[in-house]
Amino acid sequence: MTLLVFSVAVVMTGIATRVNNPPWNVNDSHAVLEVFLFWAMLGWIAMLEGCQISIVGLQARDPEKFKTSHPRAYRSCKLVCSGANVERFLVGRQFLLLFNGFLVSRIGGGQTLQHFMMGEWEWTSFATQFFFSNGVMLMIVIVALGQLPTQLVAAEKMLGFLNLPLAHHYLVVLPCLAVESIGLTHSSYLLKDLLCLVSGIDQSVADPSKKMNKGVMYHAKCVLSCVAVIFSGTFIAKGLVLSQTNATEGPGWDQLPGAAAVVVSLFFLFMLACAEGLQVSIIALATVPEETYREKSPLAYRTCQLAYRGRNMHAFLVGRQFLTAMNMVLLARVTSYAGSGGELLPGGDWGMGKVFNEWLLQTGFLGAIVVVNVGQLASQVTASIFPVAVINNHFMNWALRLMLLIEFVGIVNACWPLAWLMSKAFLLAPDPRLDAVESLEQPSSTAGTPVSRETSATGSDAV
């Protein structure tokens, strides 16, 4: 908690002293405005995280059972849990979350300084570069204050959280469905269909009420999404190769050649994809009998045994969230163009103009399209269909241990008392027992969903 308070002070000092790194010229705005934007978007991120847990957890429940007791939750569930809206909500939420994360990372992130000043306290060059310019303090704020507390509260009190008087229906549910309807993330649906075809999964046996309407507009949006990913990826690669992005700006980064920046970016993208795939696989296998894959996939079995042991599931979710935020902050840096006001670093803008440069390249919007489609949704869909294959390797086992270590170190463990305080402040009571609906089609992406696992015949600990 002390580290979190100090991290907040560092980020706010950076904004107040105008040494932060927003996508616009820092001299063209005011510190008060940027502080407001930072906290507004961080609050939005918190709501997106908590609502995902609640909606995915409540999709199997009959909303009519809590129509009177939890009217706000009923209104949201009645809309989201009809038809294919759960899947649409998750896809739209993923993009909205990532884009907000990119902007928060830019507004709260630091410029490339030699020495950061907090009053009369002058930091060393190394401390400035590592803790401020590269966003370590910012990561702690995003995870421990923005993402995890609402996740932990919603995991225990799904109805209570979704029923809070915070306008979740207007600030989360409707925007997520609206963002998905644009079509920039529809390539994930194509990937899902392709993987189902390859793996021999018959989608016709699924609940017909949850089936996606695949008309002309659906296919047009799929084409739009694929074109957007290719178009965005081309500009990101061009910026990296020509050293026009923030991946080659600042102490340490300025020594990185363009070709090496591409490799580093792919590594960050790979780590993010692994974190997403690992979580979905572990959640998907929580209800699968271990004997069905113990002999054929021993590494996947050992990874799951470690994840389900004691309180490791909760620790894994906390550590994974920090690792995801770290990669998100770094990807926000390497996929956004340096400069401001539409003026790029030497290398040309291919005649796209200042408006395109400022609002799509320097804000990281095109980077968000690539990251959410390639780094997040693709790995989530893959893991939801091939959960055993995704984690049946040494790297995923090592990644799980790294995430458990992060939680053990305690760098973001302020989330636990904050979740308790939030629950007490809003007087959230345990959710009532609800009856499940008669049928439920599992969505393709359940990242962040809390799970429970009964003790198996082999004596595994329940979580």
Protein backbone atom coordinates (compact mmCIF):
# COMPACT_ATOMS: atom_id res chain seq x y z
CA MET A 1 0.00 0.00 0.00
CA THR A 2 2.91 2.32 0.76
CA LEU A 3 4.37 1.57 -2.65
CA LEU A 4 1.02 2.33 -4.29
CA VAL A 5 0.69 5.68 -2.53
CA PHE A 6 4.24 6.58 -3.57
CA SER A 7 3.55 5.49 -7.17
CA VAL A 8 0.44 7.70 -7.32
CA ALA A 9 2.53 10.62 -6.03
CA VAL A 10 5.17 10.03 -8.72
CA VAL A 11 2.62 9.84 -11.57
CA MET A 12 0.75 12.95 -10.37
CA THR A 13 4.05 14.84 -9.96
CA GLY A 14 4.98 13.97 -13.53
CA ILE A 15 1.69 15.39 -14.83
CA ALA A 16 1.79 18.46 -12.58
CA THR A 17 5.37 19.36 -13.55
CA ARG A 18 4.54 18.79 -17.27
CA VAL A 19 7.11 16.03 -17.82
CA ASN A 20 4.49 13.42 -18.75
CA ASN A 21 4.10 12.08 -22.27
CA PRO A 22 0.52 12.55 -23.60
CA PRO A 23 -0.17 11.89 -27.31
CA TRP A 24 -0.65 15.62 -27.80
CA ASN A 25 1.82 18.45 -27.18
CA VAL A 26 2.12 18.76 -23.41
CA ASN A 27 2.21 22.55 -23.69
CA ASP A 28 -1.15 22.62 -25.51
CA SER A 29 -3.12 21.31 -22.53
CA HIS A 30 -3.35 21.93 -18.78
CA ALA A 31 -2.20 19.71 -15.93
CA VAL A 32 -5.64 19.83 -14.29
CA LEU A 33 -7.30 18.56 -17.47
CA GLU A 34 -4.81 15.72 -17.82
CA VAL A 35 -5.20 14.73 -14.16
CA PHE A 36 -8.96 14.57 -14.69
CA LEU A 37 -8.57 12.51 -17.86
CA PHE A 38 -6.13 10.15 -16.17
CA TRP A 39 -8.44 9.38 -13.23
CA ALA A 40 -11.54 9.25 -15.43
CA MET A 41 -10.00 6.64 -17.73
CA LEU A 42 -8.51 4.69 -14.82
CA GLY A 43 -11.98 4.59 -13.26
CA TRP A 44 -13.40 3.43 -16.58
CA ILE A 45 -10.79 0.66 -16.70
CA ALA A 46 -11.81 -0.42 -13.20
CA MET A 47 -15.47 -0.59 -14.23
CA LEU A 48 -14.64 -2.56 -17.39
CA GLU A 49 -12.72 -5.13 -15.35
CA GLY A 50 -15.38 -5.58 -12.67
CA CYS A 51 -18.30 -5.71 -15.10
CA GLN A 52 -16.60 -8.41 -17.15
CA ILE A 53 -16.35 -10.65 -14.09
CA SER A 54 -19.96 -10.00 -13.11
CA ILE A 55 -21.49 -10.48 -16.57
CA VAL A 56 -19.56 -13.63 -17.43
CA GLY A 57 -20.38 -15.09 -14.02
CA LEU A 58 -24.07 -14.18 -14.20
CA GLN A 59 -24.71 -15.31 -17.79
CA ALA A 60 -25.69 -18.76 -16.51
CA ARG A 61 -28.29 -17.31 -14.13
CA ASP A 62 -31.91 -16.43 -14.74
CA PRO A 63 -32.09 -12.60 -14.57
CA GLU A 64 -35.78 -12.71 -13.66
CA LYS A 65 -34.75 -14.05 -10.24
CA PHE A 66 -33.09 -10.74 -9.31
CA LYS A 67 -35.28 -8.32 -11.26
CA THR A 68 -36.67 -6.74 -8.09
CA SER A 69 -33.73 -7.09 -5.70
CA HIS A 70 -31.03 -5.88 -8.15
CA PRO A 71 -32.75 -3.77 -10.86
CA ARG A 72 -29.56 -2.26 -12.32
CA ALA A 73 -27.90 -5.66 -12.63
CA TYR A 74 -31.11 -7.03 -14.15
CA ARG A 75 -31.19 -4.34 -16.82
CA SER A 76 -27.62 -5.02 -17.91
CA CYS A 77 -27.92 -8.82 -17.79
CA LYS A 78 -31.22 -8.78 -19.65
CA LEU A 79 -29.48 -7.03 -22.57
CA VAL A 80 -26.06 -8.68 -22.51
CA CYS A 81 -27.24 -12.25 -21.88
CA SER A 82 -29.63 -12.28 -24.84
CA GLY A 83 -28.52 -13.81 -28.11
CA ALA A 84 -24.79 -13.61 -28.83
CA ASN A 85 -24.36 -10.42 -26.81
CA VAL A 86 -22.09 -11.94 -24.16
CA GLU A 87 -19.49 -12.79 -26.79
CA ARG A 88 -20.00 -9.40 -28.44
CA PHE A 89 -19.62 -7.66 -25.08
CA LEU A 90 -16.34 -9.46 -24.33
CA VAL A 91 -14.85 -8.61 -27.71
CA GLY A 92 -15.88 -4.95 -27.51
CA ARG A 93 -14.72 -4.67 -23.91
CA GLN A 94 -11.28 -6.03 -24.82
CA PHE A 95 -10.70 -3.27 -27.37
CA LEU A 96 -12.13 -0.54 -25.16
CA LEU A 97 -10.00 -1.70 -22.23
CA LEU A 98 -6.82 -1.79 -24.29
CA PHE A 99 -7.36 1.60 -25.91
CA ASN A 100 -8.07 3.18 -22.50
CA GLY A 101 -4.95 1.49 -21.18
CA PHE A 102 -2.90 2.91 -24.05
CA LEU A 103 -4.13 6.45 -23.36
CA VAL A 104 -3.62 6.14 -19.60
CA SER A 105 -0.10 4.88 -20.30
CA ARG A 106 0.62 7.92 -22.45
CA ILE A 107 -0.95 10.54 -20.14
CA GLY A 108 0.56 9.05 -16.97
CA GLY A 109 3.80 7.98 -18.61
CA GLY A 110 7.00 9.96 -18.37
CA GLN A 111 9.06 11.82 -20.92
CA THR A 112 12.65 10.85 -21.62
CA LEU A 113 14.46 12.73 -18.85
CA GLN A 114 17.90 12.56 -17.34
CA HIS A 115 16.74 13.49 -13.84
CA PHE A 116 13.21 13.41 -12.43
CA MET A 117 12.44 15.98 -9.73
CA MET A 118 9.99 15.64 -6.83
CA GLY A 119 10.31 18.98 -5.10
CA GLU A 120 13.96 19.23 -4.07
CA TRP A 121 14.54 15.50 -4.50
CA GLU A 122 16.49 14.79 -7.69
CA TRP A 123 16.49 11.22 -8.93
CA THR A 124 19.49 9.55 -10.52
CA SER A 125 19.52 8.94 -14.25
CA PHE A 126 18.99 5.19 -13.82
CA ALA A 127 16.09 5.62 -11.37
CA THR A 128 14.48 8.19 -13.67
CA GLN A 129 14.75 5.96 -16.71
CA PHE A 130 13.61 2.72 -15.05
CA PHE A 131 10.94 3.85 -12.60
CA PHE A 132 9.54 6.95 -14.32
CA SER A 133 10.24 7.03 -18.05
CA ASN A 134 9.62 3.29 -18.52
CA GLY A 135 6.46 3.37 -16.41
CA VAL A 136 7.16 0.98 -13.53
CA MET A 137 5.36 3.26 -11.06
CA LEU A 138 2.55 3.71 -13.57
CA MET A 139 2.10 -0.07 -13.90
CA ILE A 140 1.61 -0.38 -10.15
CA VAL A 141 -1.07 2.32 -10.20
CA ILE A 142 -2.93 0.76 -13.14
CA VAL A 143 -2.94 -2.76 -11.69
CA ALA A 144 -3.18 -2.32 -7.92
CA LEU A 145 -5.60 0.63 -8.01
CA GLY A 146 -7.38 0.40 -11.35
CA GLN A 147 -7.80 -3.23 -12.34
CA LEU A 148 -7.54 -5.72 -9.49
CA PRO A 149 -9.75 -4.27 -6.69
CA THR A 150 -12.91 -4.29 -8.82
CA GLN A 151 -12.06 -7.75 -10.16
CA LEU A 152 -11.70 -9.12 -6.64
CA VAL A 153 -14.93 -7.48 -5.46
CA ALA A 154 -16.91 -8.68 -8.49
CA ALA A 155 -15.52 -12.19 -8.17
CA GLU A 156 -17.10 -12.51 -4.71
CA LYS A 157 -20.20 -10.31 -5.22
CA MET A 158 -21.14 -10.31 -8.89
CA LEU A 159 -24.70 -9.08 -8.47
CA GLY A 160 -23.75 -6.51 -5.88
CA PHE A 161 -21.02 -5.00 -8.04
CA LEU A 162 -23.13 -4.87 -11.22
CA ASN A 163 -25.97 -3.26 -9.23
CA LEU A 164 -23.81 -0.39 -7.91
CA PRO A 165 -25.16 3.11 -8.73
CA LEU A 166 -22.22 3.83 -11.05
CA ALA A 167 -24.09 3.78 -14.38
CA HIS A 168 -22.44 0.53 -15.49
CA HIS A 169 -25.17 0.06 -18.10
CA TYR A 170 -24.37 3.37 -19.81
CA LEU A 171 -20.62 3.55 -19.21
CA VAL A 172 -19.69 -0.10 -19.81
CA VAL A 173 -22.40 -2.30 -21.32
CA LEU A 174 -23.65 -0.03 -24.09
CA PRO A 175 -20.17 1.32 -25.09
CA CYS A 176 -18.73 -2.22 -25.31
CA LEU A 177 -21.56 -3.40 -27.56
CA ALA A 178 -21.22 -0.22 -29.63
CA VAL A 179 -17.46 -0.67 -30.09
CA GLU A 180 -17.95 -4.28 -31.16
CA SER A 181 -20.61 -3.25 -33.67
CA ILE A 182 -18.06 -1.08 -35.52
CA GLY A 183 -16.36 -4.28 -36.68
CA LEU A 184 -12.67 -3.61 -36.05
CA THR A 185 -12.39 -6.77 -33.91
CA HIS A 186 -14.46 -9.15 -36.07
CA SER A 187 -11.34 -11.00 -37.23
CA SER A 188 -11.50 -12.88 -33.91
CA TYR A 189 -14.78 -14.47 -35.02
CA LEU A 190 -13.15 -15.65 -38.24
CA LEU A 191 -10.32 -17.17 -36.22
CA LYS A 192 -12.81 -18.93 -33.97
CA ASP A 193 -14.65 -20.43 -36.95
CA LEU A 194 -11.37 -21.51 -38.53
CA LEU A 195 -10.13 -23.20 -35.37
CA CYS A 196 -13.47 -24.96 -34.86
CA LEU A 197 -13.26 -26.23 -38.43
CA VAL A 198 -9.69 -27.47 -38.01
CA SER A 199 -10.42 -29.15 -34.66
CA GLY A 200 -13.66 -30.73 -35.87
CA ILE A 201 -15.94 -28.89 -33.45
CA ASP A 202 -19.54 -28.88 -34.68
CA GLN A 203 -20.90 -25.40 -33.90
CA SER A 204 -24.38 -26.41 -35.06
CA VAL A 205 -24.99 -28.26 -31.78
CA ALA A 206 -24.57 -25.06 -29.77
CA ASP A 207 -27.50 -23.22 -28.24
CA PRO A 208 -29.32 -21.69 -31.26
CA SER A 209 -30.41 -18.70 -29.17
CA LYS A 210 -26.74 -17.73 -28.75
CA LYS A 211 -25.86 -18.03 -32.42
CA MET A 212 -24.22 -15.06 -34.11
CA ASN A 213 -26.20 -13.55 -36.98
CA LYS A 214 -23.83 -14.01 -39.92
CA GLY A 215 -25.43 -11.89 -42.58
CA VAL A 216 -23.98 -9.49 -45.12
CA MET A 217 -23.04 -6.91 -42.48
CA TYR A 218 -21.24 -9.54 -40.41
CA HIS A 219 -19.03 -10.60 -43.32
CA ALA A 220 -18.44 -6.97 -44.32
CA LYS A 221 -17.21 -6.23 -40.80
CA CYS A 222 -14.96 -9.29 -40.89
CA VAL A 223 -13.36 -7.96 -44.08
CA LEU A 224 -13.06 -4.51 -42.48
CA SER A 225 -11.36 -6.01 -39.43
CA CYS A 226 -8.84 -7.99 -41.46
CA VAL A 227 -8.02 -4.94 -43.59
CA ALA A 228 -7.68 -2.78 -40.45
CA VAL A 229 -5.26 -5.27 -38.86
CA ILE A 230 -3.11 -5.46 -42.01
CA PHE A 231 -3.23 -1.68 -42.50
CA SER A 232 -2.36 -0.98 -38.85
CA GLY A 233 0.35 -3.61 -38.75
CA THR A 234 1.96 -2.10 -41.85
CA PHE A 235 2.19 1.35 -40.26
CA ILE A 236 3.45 -0.04 -36.94
CA ALA A 237 6.16 -2.04 -38.73
CA LYS A 238 7.07 1.02 -40.82
CA GLY A 239 7.41 3.17 -37.70
CA LEU A 240 9.56 0.59 -35.93
CA VAL A 241 11.88 -0.01 -38.89
CA LEU A 242 12.33 3.74 -39.52
CA SER A 243 12.75 4.46 -35.77
CA GLN A 244 9.70 6.75 -35.66
CA THR A 245 7.97 5.17 -32.66
CA ASN A 246 8.66 5.62 -28.96
CA ALA A 247 10.46 2.24 -29.03
CA THR A 248 13.63 4.03 -30.15
CA GLU A 249 13.20 7.26 -28.14
CA GLY A 250 14.73 8.00 -24.76
CA PRO A 251 17.77 6.85 -22.74
CA GLY A 252 18.51 3.23 -23.48
CA TRP A 253 15.78 3.00 -26.10
CA ASP A 254 17.65 5.37 -28.43
CA GLN A 255 20.37 2.72 -28.80
CA LEU A 256 17.84 0.25 -30.22
CA PRO A 257 18.05 -0.17 -34.02
CA GLY A 258 14.83 -0.32 -36.01
CA ALA A 259 15.17 -4.05 -36.77
CA ALA A 260 15.78 -4.82 -33.10
CA ALA A 261 12.74 -2.71 -32.17
CA VAL A 262 10.59 -5.02 -34.33
CA VAL A 263 11.94 -8.06 -32.48
CA VAL A 264 11.35 -6.43 -29.08
CA SER A 265 7.80 -5.49 -30.07
CA LEU A 266 7.06 -9.05 -31.18
CA PHE A 267 8.41 -10.33 -27.85
CA PHE A 268 6.10 -8.00 -25.88
CA LEU A 269 3.20 -9.12 -28.08
CA PHE A 270 4.13 -12.76 -27.54
CA MET A 271 4.27 -12.33 -23.75
CA LEU A 272 0.87 -10.65 -23.76
CA ALA A 273 -0.60 -13.45 -25.87
CA CYS A 274 0.88 -16.06 -23.53
CA ALA A 275 -0.62 -14.34 -20.47
CA GLU A 276 -4.06 -14.26 -22.09
CA GLY A 277 -3.86 -17.82 -23.38
CA LEU A 278 -2.59 -19.20 -20.09
CA GLN A 279 -5.47 -17.72 -18.13
CA VAL A 280 -8.17 -18.91 -20.51
CA SER A 281 -6.64 -22.42 -20.64
CA ILE A 282 -6.45 -22.78 -16.86
CA ILE A 283 -10.01 -21.53 -16.47
CA ALA A 284 -11.26 -23.82 -19.26
CA LEU A 285 -9.59 -26.89 -17.70
CA ALA A 286 -10.90 -26.18 -14.19
CA THR A 287 -13.92 -28.41 -14.82
CA VAL A 288 -12.23 -30.98 -17.09
CA PRO A 289 -11.34 -34.36 -15.49
CA GLU A 290 -7.58 -34.52 -15.08
CA GLU A 291 -7.35 -38.13 -16.21
CA THR A 292 -8.43 -37.12 -19.71
CA TYR A 293 -5.13 -35.34 -20.38
CA ARG A 294 -2.72 -36.41 -17.60
CA GLU A 295 -0.89 -39.08 -19.63
CA LYS A 296 -1.03 -37.48 -23.08
CA SER A 297 -0.11 -33.96 -21.94
CA PRO A 298 1.99 -34.21 -18.76
CA LEU A 299 3.22 -30.61 -18.87
CA ALA A 300 -0.32 -29.28 -19.12
CA TYR A 301 -1.29 -31.53 -16.20
CA ARG A 302 1.59 -30.28 -14.02
CA THR A 303 0.82 -26.66 -14.91
CA CYS A 304 -2.83 -27.08 -13.92
CA GLN A 305 -1.91 -28.86 -10.69
CA LEU A 306 0.28 -25.92 -9.73
CA ALA A 307 -2.43 -23.39 -10.63
CA TYR A 308 -5.17 -25.17 -8.65
CA ARG A 309 -3.08 -25.73 -5.51
CA GLY A 310 -4.08 -23.81 -2.37
CA ARG A 311 -4.61 -20.11 -3.10
CA ASN A 312 -2.51 -20.21 -6.26
CA MET A 313 -5.46 -19.41 -8.54
CA HIS A 314 -6.02 -16.04 -6.89
CA ALA A 315 -2.27 -15.38 -6.76
CA PHE A 316 -1.98 -16.30 -10.44
CA LEU A 317 -4.74 -13.87 -11.43
CA VAL A 318 -3.01 -11.05 -9.53
CA GLY A 319 0.43 -11.79 -10.97
CA ARG A 320 -0.96 -12.24 -14.48
CA GLN A 321 -2.69 -8.87 -14.29
CA PHE A 322 0.58 -7.11 -13.46
CA LEU A 323 2.42 -8.91 -16.27
CA THR A 324 -0.39 -8.00 -18.69
CA ALA A 325 -0.30 -4.35 -17.59
CA MET A 326 3.48 -4.27 -17.97
CA ASN A 327 3.25 -5.53 -21.54
CA MET A 328 0.36 -3.14 -22.21
CA VAL A 329 2.41 -0.14 -21.04
CA LEU A 330 5.43 -1.26 -23.06
CA LEU A 331 3.34 -1.97 -26.15
CA ALA A 332 1.70 1.44 -25.81
CA ARG A 333 5.20 2.86 -26.04
CA VAL A 334 6.55 0.78 -28.92
CA THR A 335 3.42 0.90 -31.11
CA SER A 336 2.73 4.63 -30.81
CA TYR A 337 4.64 7.16 -32.90
CA ALA A 338 6.91 9.67 -31.20
CA GLY A 339 6.40 13.42 -31.54
CA SER A 340 3.22 15.46 -31.14
CA GLY A 341 0.79 17.57 -33.11
CA GLY A 342 1.02 15.28 -36.13
CA GLU A 343 4.74 15.99 -36.60
CA LEU A 344 6.61 12.70 -36.93
CA LEU A 345 10.30 11.93 -36.58
CA PRO A 346 12.33 11.81 -39.83
CA GLY A 347 11.21 9.04 -42.13
CA GLY A 348 8.09 10.42 -43.80
CA ASP A 349 4.39 9.91 -43.18
CA TRP A 350 3.50 8.41 -46.57
CA GLY A 351 1.36 11.47 -47.27
CA MET A 352 -1.30 10.66 -44.64
CA GLY A 353 -1.38 14.15 -43.10
CA LYS A 354 -1.19 15.61 -39.60
CA VAL A 355 -4.70 14.61 -38.50
CA PHE A 356 -4.02 10.96 -39.32
CA ASN A 357 -0.59 11.11 -37.69
CA GLU A 358 -1.82 12.70 -34.46
CA TRP A 359 -5.06 10.82 -33.84
CA LEU A 360 -4.21 7.37 -35.21
CA LEU A 361 -0.43 7.03 -34.96
CA GLN A 362 0.60 9.18 -31.99
CA THR A 363 -2.38 8.19 -29.81
CA GLY A 364 -1.63 4.51 -30.41
CA PHE A 365 -5.06 3.75 -31.94
CA LEU A 366 -3.60 1.68 -34.77
CA GLY A 367 -1.34 -0.08 -32.28
CA ALA A 368 -4.39 -0.97 -30.19
CA ILE A 369 -6.06 -2.58 -33.22
CA VAL A 370 -3.04 -4.82 -33.82
CA VAL A 371 -2.52 -5.71 -30.17
CA VAL A 372 -6.15 -6.52 -29.36
CA ASN A 373 -6.68 -8.67 -32.47
CA VAL A 374 -3.30 -10.40 -32.67
CA GLY A 375 -2.04 -10.35 -29.10
CA GLN A 376 -5.22 -10.81 -27.06
CA LEU A 377 -8.32 -12.05 -28.86
CA ALA A 378 -6.46 -14.51 -31.10
CA SER A 379 -4.74 -16.20 -28.15
CA GLN A 380 -7.93 -16.19 -26.06
CA VAL A 381 -9.93 -17.86 -28.83
CA THR A 382 -7.16 -20.38 -29.48
CA ALA A 383 -6.88 -21.28 -25.79
CA SER A 384 -10.64 -21.61 -25.39
CA ILE A 385 -10.71 -24.27 -28.14
CA PHE A 386 -7.31 -25.93 -27.51
CA PRO A 387 -6.73 -25.36 -23.75
CA VAL A 388 -4.49 -28.40 -23.25
CA ALA A 389 -2.29 -27.82 -26.30
CA VAL A 390 -1.70 -24.17 -25.43
CA ILE A 391 -0.19 -24.89 -21.98
CA ASN A 392 1.46 -28.24 -22.71
CA ASN A 393 4.96 -26.74 -22.87
CA HIS A 394 7.74 -25.62 -20.54
CA PHE A 395 7.35 -21.92 -21.37
CA MET A 396 3.77 -21.72 -20.08
CA ASN A 397 4.77 -23.54 -16.90
CA TRP A 398 7.59 -21.04 -16.42
CA ALA A 399 5.22 -18.12 -17.12
CA LEU A 400 2.81 -19.38 -14.45
CA ARG A 401 5.63 -19.57 -11.91
CA LEU A 402 6.70 -16.04 -12.81
CA MET A 403 3.16 -14.76 -12.21
CA LEU A 404 2.97 -16.53 -8.85
CA LEU A 405 6.33 -14.97 -7.93
CA ILE A 406 5.07 -11.48 -8.81
CA GLU A 407 2.13 -11.88 -6.43
CA PHE A 408 4.39 -13.37 -3.75
CA VAL A 409 6.73 -10.36 -3.91
CA GLY A 410 3.73 -8.19 -3.05
CA ILE A 411 4.32 -5.34 -5.48
CA VAL A 412 0.59 -4.99 -6.25
CA ASN A 413 -0.89 -6.59 -3.13
CA ALA A 414 -2.50 -3.30 -2.16
CA CYS A 415 -5.40 -4.63 -4.24
CA TRP A 416 -6.51 -6.91 -1.38
CA PRO A 417 -7.22 -4.23 1.27
CA LEU A 418 -8.59 -1.90 -1.43
CA ALA A 419 -11.08 -4.57 -2.51
CA TRP A 420 -12.11 -5.06 1.12
CA LEU A 421 -12.53 -1.30 1.61
CA MET A 422 -14.61 -1.00 -1.56
CA SER A 423 -16.88 -3.81 -0.46
CA LYS A 424 -17.37 -2.20 2.95
CA ALA A 425 -17.84 1.30 1.57
CA PHE A 426 -20.69 0.22 -0.71
CA LEU A 427 -22.14 -2.18 1.92
CA LEU A 428 -22.05 -5.06 -0.56
CA ALA A 429 -23.71 -8.18 0.79
CA PRO A 430 -23.05 -11.73 -0.50
CA ASP A 431 -25.02 -12.57 -3.61
CA PRO A 432 -28.18 -14.64 -3.10
CA ARG A 433 -28.25 -18.18 -4.45
CA LEU A 434 -29.68 -18.15 -7.99
CA ASP A 435 -30.98 -20.83 -10.31
CA ALA A 436 -29.15 -21.40 -13.57
CA VAL A 437 -30.84 -21.01 -16.91
CA GLU A 438 -31.64 -24.18 -18.82
CA SER A 439 -28.93 -23.81 -21.46
CA LEU A 440 -25.74 -21.87 -21.82
CA GLU A 441 -23.25 -21.56 -24.62
CA GLN A 442 -19.76 -20.87 -23.33
CA PRO A 443 -18.28 -17.69 -24.86
CA SER A 444 -15.07 -17.96 -26.80
CA SER A 445 -13.23 -15.68 -24.40
CA THR A 446 -13.53 -15.86 -20.64
CA ALA A 447 -10.41 -13.99 -19.59
CA GLY A 448 -10.67 -12.79 -16.04
CA THR A 449 -13.50 -15.15 -15.10
CA PRO A 450 -13.37 -16.47 -11.53
CA VAL A 451 -13.57 -20.24 -11.29
CA SER A 452 -14.14 -22.84 -8.62
CA ARG A 453 -12.74 -26.35 -8.72
CA GLU A 454 -13.94 -29.17 -6.58
CA THR A 455 -11.41 -31.49 -5.01
CA SER A 456 -10.66 -34.18 -7.56
CA ALA A 457 -10.15 -37.89 -7.03
CA THR A 458 -6.42 -37.30 -6.84
CA GLY A 459 -6.76 -35.02 -3.84
CA SER A 460 -6.16 -31.62 -5.45
CA ASP A 461 -6.80 -28.64 -3.20
CA ALA A 462 -10.01 -26.71 -3.88
CA VAL A 463 -9.72 -23.04 -4.86
